[in-house]
Amino acid sequence: MIEIKIPEQAAIQLLMERMRFELEMRIKAGIYSRTTQLENLTYQQIFDLVECSAFDIISLLPPDILIDRSNLPSIIAKAIKSLSKIYSYYEFNLYSEEKAERLILPIKKLIIKNKDREQFTVN
């Protein structure tokens, strides 16, 4: 098992920074108005940003962390649960490690699939 050591506050800050970036991209794409701020969004709108942002962060991690068993789902779940205090939506408290696992799974499958292909590739 790989243990990722990152302070919870750092994980929250990283997630929130990515959320702000994602919101900016959606504003530029015309999905939201220029006056939109995270604090003004509904729970579902913020949650969509949260999962998209978490997915983006996960996709940038080294493959070994994603393939091997790690505490990454726990880190993700704790960071997302912490958003309930920041945005006053209790629903964030319901985010589980199982949901975080499901968020990681598509990337994990892609990495494994590509590793299998590499084994059969002739150089």
C-alpha atoms as a PDB file:
ATOM      1  CA  MET A   1       0.000   0.000   0.000  1.00  0.00           C
ATOM      2  CA  ILE A   2       1.205   3.450  -0.902  1.00  0.00           C
ATOM      3  CA  GLU A   3       0.564   6.058   1.763  1.00  0.00           C
ATOM      4  CA  ILE A   4       0.250   9.573   0.450  1.00  0.00           C
ATOM      5  CA  LYS A   5       1.255  12.116   3.039  1.00  0.00           C
ATOM      6  CA  ILE A   6      -0.446  15.427   2.421  1.00  0.00           C
ATOM      7  CA  PRO A   7      -1.949  17.641   5.086  1.00  0.00           C
ATOM      8  CA  GLU A   8      -5.735  17.790   4.863  1.00  0.00           C
ATOM      9  CA  GLN A   9      -5.631  21.582   4.568  1.00  0.00           C
ATOM     10  CA  ALA A  10      -3.259  21.325   1.600  1.00  0.00           C
ATOM     11  CA  ALA A  11      -5.606  18.858  -0.132  1.00  0.00           C
ATOM     12  CA  ILE A  12      -8.528  21.227   0.435  1.00  0.00           C
ATOM     13  CA  GLN A  13      -6.578  24.205  -0.904  1.00  0.00           C
ATOM     14  CA  LEU A  14      -5.483  22.240  -3.962  1.00  0.00           C
ATOM     15  CA  LEU A  15      -9.067  21.178  -4.651  1.00  0.00           C
ATOM     16  CA  MET A  16     -10.430  24.700  -4.183  1.00  0.00           C
ATOM     17  CA  GLU A  17      -7.765  26.200  -6.436  1.00  0.00           C
ATOM     18  CA  ARG A  18      -8.684  23.728  -9.168  1.00  0.00           C
ATOM     19  CA  MET A  19     -12.379  24.524  -8.624  1.00  0.00           C
ATOM     20  CA  ARG A  20     -11.679  28.228  -9.168  1.00  0.00           C
ATOM     21  CA  PHE A  21      -9.765  27.387 -12.357  1.00  0.00           C
ATOM     22  CA  GLU A  22     -12.603  25.167 -13.599  1.00  0.00           C
ATOM     23  CA  LEU A  23     -15.137  27.907 -12.867  1.00  0.00           C
ATOM     24  CA  GLU A  24     -13.023  30.398 -14.853  1.00  0.00           C
ATOM     25  CA  MET A  25     -12.957  27.983 -17.789  1.00  0.00           C
ATOM     26  CA  ARG A  26     -16.745  27.577 -17.638  1.00  0.00           C
ATOM     27  CA  ILE A  27     -17.177  31.346 -17.514  1.00  0.00           C
ATOM     28  CA  LYS A  28     -14.943  31.718 -20.583  1.00  0.00           C
ATOM     29  CA  ALA A  29     -16.975  28.997 -22.325  1.00  0.00           C
ATOM     30  CA  GLY A  30     -20.157  30.951 -21.612  1.00  0.00           C
ATOM     31  CA  ILE A  31     -21.645  28.332 -19.286  1.00  0.00           C
ATOM     32  CA  TYR A  32     -21.755  30.840 -16.425  1.00  0.00           C
ATOM     33  CA  SER A  33     -21.927  34.638 -16.454  1.00  0.00           C
ATOM     34  CA  ARG A  34     -18.866  36.733 -15.693  1.00  0.00           C
ATOM     35  CA  THR A  35     -20.305  37.697 -12.305  1.00  0.00           C
ATOM     36  CA  THR A  36     -20.631  34.079 -11.125  1.00  0.00           C
ATOM     37  CA  GLN A  37     -18.719  33.146  -7.991  1.00  0.00           C
ATOM     38  CA  LEU A  38     -18.380  29.799  -6.256  1.00  0.00           C
ATOM     39  CA  GLU A  39     -20.326  31.085  -3.266  1.00  0.00           C
ATOM     40  CA  ASN A  40     -23.348  31.850  -5.487  1.00  0.00           C
ATOM     41  CA  LEU A  41     -23.659  28.406  -7.059  1.00  0.00           C
ATOM     42  CA  THR A  42     -26.171  25.760  -6.078  1.00  0.00           C
ATOM     43  CA  TYR A  43     -25.003  22.559  -4.440  1.00  0.00           C
ATOM     44  CA  GLN A  44     -25.293  20.623  -7.708  1.00  0.00           C
ATOM     45  CA  GLN A  45     -23.308  23.246  -9.619  1.00  0.00           C
ATOM     46  CA  ILE A  46     -20.551  23.268  -7.006  1.00  0.00           C
ATOM     47  CA  PHE A  47     -20.574  19.482  -6.803  1.00  0.00           C
ATOM     48  CA  ASP A  48     -20.074  19.232 -10.575  1.00  0.00           C
ATOM     49  CA  LEU A  49     -17.069  21.546 -10.247  1.00  0.00           C
ATOM     50  CA  VAL A  50     -15.752  19.537  -7.303  1.00  0.00           C
ATOM     51  CA  GLU A  51     -15.856  16.180  -9.067  1.00  0.00           C
ATOM     52  CA  CYS A  52     -14.424  17.611 -12.277  1.00  0.00           C
ATOM     53  CA  SER A  53     -11.633  19.284 -10.321  1.00  0.00           C
ATOM     54  CA  ALA A  54     -10.859  16.167  -8.290  1.00  0.00           C
ATOM     55  CA  PHE A  55     -10.776  14.109 -11.493  1.00  0.00           C
ATOM     56  CA  ASP A  56      -8.337  16.594 -13.063  1.00  0.00           C
ATOM     57  CA  ILE A  57      -6.046  16.433 -10.041  1.00  0.00           C
ATOM     58  CA  ILE A  58      -6.182  12.630  -9.955  1.00  0.00           C
ATOM     59  CA  SER A  59      -5.317  12.385 -13.640  1.00  0.00           C
ATOM     60  CA  LEU A  60      -2.071  14.271 -12.992  1.00  0.00           C
ATOM     61  CA  LEU A  61      -0.841  11.824 -10.353  1.00  0.00           C
ATOM     62  CA  PRO A  62       1.798   9.189 -11.067  1.00  0.00           C
ATOM     63  CA  PRO A  63       0.260   5.942 -12.364  1.00  0.00           C
ATOM     64  CA  ASP A  64       1.671   3.836  -9.512  1.00  0.00           C
ATOM     65  CA  ILE A  65      -0.388   5.775  -6.981  1.00  0.00           C
ATOM     66  CA  LEU A  66      -3.533   5.072  -8.973  1.00  0.00           C
ATOM     67  CA  ILE A  67      -2.887   1.396  -9.676  1.00  0.00           C
ATOM     68  CA  ASP A  68      -1.619   0.336  -6.264  1.00  0.00           C
ATOM     69  CA  ARG A  69      -3.749   0.433  -3.180  1.00  0.00           C
ATOM     70  CA  SER A  70      -3.389   3.788  -1.444  1.00  0.00           C
ATOM     71  CA  ASN A  71      -5.096   6.211   0.887  1.00  0.00           C
ATOM     72  CA  LEU A  72      -6.017   8.479  -2.057  1.00  0.00           C
ATOM     73  CA  PRO A  73      -9.781   7.779  -1.781  1.00  0.00           C
ATOM     74  CA  SER A  74      -9.652   8.762   1.877  1.00  0.00           C
ATOM     75  CA  ILE A  75      -7.833  12.006   1.084  1.00  0.00           C
ATOM     76  CA  ILE A  76     -10.345  12.874  -1.638  1.00  0.00           C
ATOM     77  CA  ALA A  77     -13.351  12.076   0.557  1.00  0.00           C
ATOM     78  CA  LYS A  78     -12.014  14.120   3.484  1.00  0.00           C
ATOM     79  CA  ALA A  79     -11.251  17.115   1.272  1.00  0.00           C
ATOM     80  CA  ILE A  80     -14.710  17.042  -0.285  1.00  0.00           C
ATOM     81  CA  LYS A  81     -16.411  16.571   3.083  1.00  0.00           C
ATOM     82  CA  SER A  82     -14.557  19.646   4.346  1.00  0.00           C
ATOM     83  CA  LEU A  83     -16.306  21.728   1.714  1.00  0.00           C
ATOM     84  CA  SER A  84     -19.521  21.420   3.736  1.00  0.00           C
ATOM     85  CA  LYS A  85     -18.096  23.903   6.245  1.00  0.00           C
ATOM     86  CA  ILE A  86     -16.883  26.244   3.531  1.00  0.00           C
ATOM     87  CA  TYR A  87     -20.001  26.331   1.348  1.00  0.00           C
ATOM     88  CA  SER A  88     -22.641  25.417   3.958  1.00  0.00           C
ATOM     89  CA  TYR A  89     -24.006  22.441   2.041  1.00  0.00           C
ATOM     90  CA  TYR A  90     -24.357  19.445   4.360  1.00  0.00           C
ATOM     91  CA  GLU A  91     -24.548  17.150   1.306  1.00  0.00           C
ATOM     92  CA  PHE A  92     -20.764  17.271   0.998  1.00  0.00           C
ATOM     93  CA  ASN A  93     -20.622  15.318   4.275  1.00  0.00           C
ATOM     94  CA  LEU A  94     -22.242  12.405   2.467  1.00  0.00           C
ATOM     95  CA  TYR A  95     -19.311  11.983   0.074  1.00  0.00           C
ATOM     96  CA  SER A  96     -17.759   8.582   0.743  1.00  0.00           C
ATOM     97  CA  GLU A  97     -14.484   6.840   0.019  1.00  0.00           C
ATOM     98  CA  GLU A  98     -16.461   4.529  -2.274  1.00  0.00           C
ATOM     99  CA  LYS A  99     -17.507   7.523  -4.389  1.00  0.00           C
ATOM    100  CA  ALA A 100     -13.880   8.619  -4.498  1.00  0.00           C
ATOM    101  CA  GLU A 101     -12.905   5.108  -5.640  1.00  0.00           C
ATOM    102  CA  ARG A 102     -15.470   5.349  -8.463  1.00  0.00           C
ATOM    103  CA  LEU A 103     -13.943   8.686  -9.448  1.00  0.00           C
ATOM    104  CA  ILE A 104     -10.484   7.108  -9.687  1.00  0.00           C
ATOM    105  CA  LEU A 105     -11.629   3.936 -11.454  1.00  0.00           C
ATOM    106  CA  PRO A 106     -11.823   5.224 -15.078  1.00  0.00           C
ATOM    107  CA  ILE A 107      -8.268   6.551 -14.919  1.00  0.00           C
ATOM    108  CA  LYS A 108      -7.062   3.378 -13.232  1.00  0.00           C
ATOM    109  CA  LYS A 109      -8.653   1.228 -15.963  1.00  0.00           C
ATOM    110  CA  LEU A 110      -7.073   3.371 -18.673  1.00  0.00           C
ATOM    111  CA  ILE A 111      -3.616   3.041 -17.128  1.00  0.00           C
ATOM    112  CA  ILE A 112      -3.965  -0.725 -16.762  1.00  0.00           C
ATOM    113  CA  LYS A 113      -5.243  -1.037 -20.326  1.00  0.00           C
ATOM    114  CA  ASN A 114      -2.283   0.944 -21.654  1.00  0.00           C
ATOM    115  CA  LYS A 115       0.179  -1.100 -19.588  1.00  0.00           C
ATOM    116  CA  ASP A 116      -1.270  -4.274 -21.095  1.00  0.00           C
ATOM    117  CA  ARG A 117      -0.806  -2.830 -24.590  1.00  0.00           C
ATOM    118  CA  GLU A 118       2.813  -1.903 -23.835  1.00  0.00           C
ATOM    119  CA  GLN A 119       3.575  -5.518 -22.964  1.00  0.00           C
ATOM    120  CA  PHE A 120       2.573  -6.578 -26.479  1.00  0.00           C
ATOM    121  CA  THR A 121       4.217  -3.727 -28.342  1.00  0.00           C
ATOM    122  CA  VAL A 122       7.387  -4.538 -30.248  1.00  0.00           C
ATOM    123  CA  ASN A 123      10.045  -1.826 -30.144  1.00  0.00           C
END
